[in-house]
Amino acid sequence: MSVNLQQAIQEQAQVLSEDEMRQVLNFMNRLRKKESKPQTLGELIDKCFKDVPPEVMDKLPEDASLNLDHYLYGAPKK
């Protein structure tokens, strides 16, 4: 990174509130993660369901993917 760019970022950071600095840090972390390997579909699905308790997952019907239209819209089961 060029010294001028780094200095400009540091100067701008000095006038930010603590909350704004936290937002900048979170943004920078997200940028770095984007530069790493892309997520697979499985990783995205795992991320979506990571906070769902096991007892809730156990209540999902086993044929949910096959009969999604039935569970969402009331269509006849396949």
Protein backbone atom coordinates (compact mmCIF):
# COMPACT_ATOMS: atom_id res chain seq x y z
CA MET A 1 0.00 0.00 0.00
CA SER A 2 1.35 3.45 -0.78
CA VAL A 3 2.41 5.58 2.15
CA ASN A 4 0.14 8.44 1.05
CA LEU A 5 -2.92 6.20 0.97
CA GLN A 6 -2.10 4.72 4.35
CA GLN A 7 -1.62 8.19 5.85
CA ALA A 8 -4.92 9.40 4.37
CA ILE A 9 -6.75 6.46 5.92
CA GLN A 10 -5.12 7.07 9.30
CA GLU A 11 -5.99 10.78 9.20
CA GLN A 12 -9.62 10.06 8.39
CA ALA A 13 -9.78 7.43 11.14
CA GLN A 14 -8.70 9.94 13.79
CA VAL A 15 -11.95 11.92 13.51
CA LEU A 16 -14.27 8.90 13.73
CA SER A 17 -16.21 7.95 16.83
CA GLU A 18 -15.56 4.60 18.50
CA ASP A 19 -18.75 3.19 16.96
CA GLU A 20 -17.71 4.38 13.49
CA MET A 21 -14.27 2.84 13.98
CA ARG A 22 -15.91 -0.46 14.87
CA GLN A 23 -17.96 -0.27 11.66
CA VAL A 24 -14.80 0.44 9.64
CA LEU A 25 -13.03 -2.50 11.25
CA ASN A 26 -15.97 -4.81 10.50
CA PHE A 27 -15.99 -3.59 6.90
CA MET A 28 -12.27 -4.22 6.55
CA ASN A 29 -12.67 -7.73 7.96
CA ARG A 30 -15.44 -8.45 5.45
CA LEU A 31 -13.21 -7.21 2.63
CA ARG A 32 -10.41 -9.53 3.70
CA LYS A 33 -12.79 -12.48 3.87
CA LYS A 34 -13.95 -11.76 0.30
CA GLU A 35 -10.34 -11.95 -0.83
CA SER A 36 -10.02 -15.42 0.67
CA LYS A 37 -11.59 -18.50 -0.87
CA PRO A 38 -15.19 -18.16 -2.06
CA GLN A 39 -17.82 -19.93 0.00
CA THR A 40 -19.39 -23.09 -1.31
CA LEU A 41 -23.15 -23.56 -1.34
CA GLY A 42 -22.80 -26.00 1.54
CA GLU A 43 -20.87 -23.45 3.60
CA LEU A 44 -23.54 -20.82 2.93
CA ILE A 45 -26.29 -23.22 4.02
CA ASP A 46 -24.34 -24.17 7.15
CA LYS A 47 -23.91 -20.47 7.97
CA CYS A 48 -27.66 -19.87 7.61
CA PHE A 49 -28.57 -22.76 9.91
CA LYS A 50 -25.74 -22.51 12.45
CA ASP A 51 -27.89 -20.72 15.05
CA VAL A 52 -30.96 -22.93 14.64
CA PRO A 53 -31.29 -25.16 17.70
CA PRO A 54 -31.21 -28.93 17.09
CA GLU A 55 -34.71 -29.36 18.55
CA VAL A 56 -36.08 -27.01 15.88
CA MET A 57 -34.19 -28.84 13.12
CA ASP A 58 -35.62 -32.14 14.40
CA LYS A 59 -39.15 -30.78 13.82
CA LEU A 60 -38.58 -30.19 10.11
CA PRO A 61 -40.30 -32.79 7.93
CA GLU A 62 -37.95 -35.32 6.34
CA ASP A 63 -39.56 -34.75 2.94
CA ALA A 64 -39.35 -30.94 3.14
CA SER A 65 -37.19 -30.56 0.03
CA LEU A 66 -39.33 -32.95 -2.02
CA ASN A 67 -42.63 -31.39 -0.94
CA LEU A 68 -41.57 -27.78 -0.51
CA ASP A 69 -44.61 -26.49 -2.45
CA HIS A 70 -46.88 -28.47 -0.15
CA TYR A 71 -45.35 -26.98 3.01
CA LEU A 72 -45.18 -23.45 1.63
CA TYR A 73 -48.36 -23.22 -0.46
CA GLY A 74 -50.51 -26.24 0.39
CA ALA A 75 -49.97 -27.99 -2.95
CA PRO A 76 -50.58 -31.77 -2.98
CA LYS A 77 -47.69 -33.87 -1.70
CA LYS A 78 -45.62 -35.78 -4.25
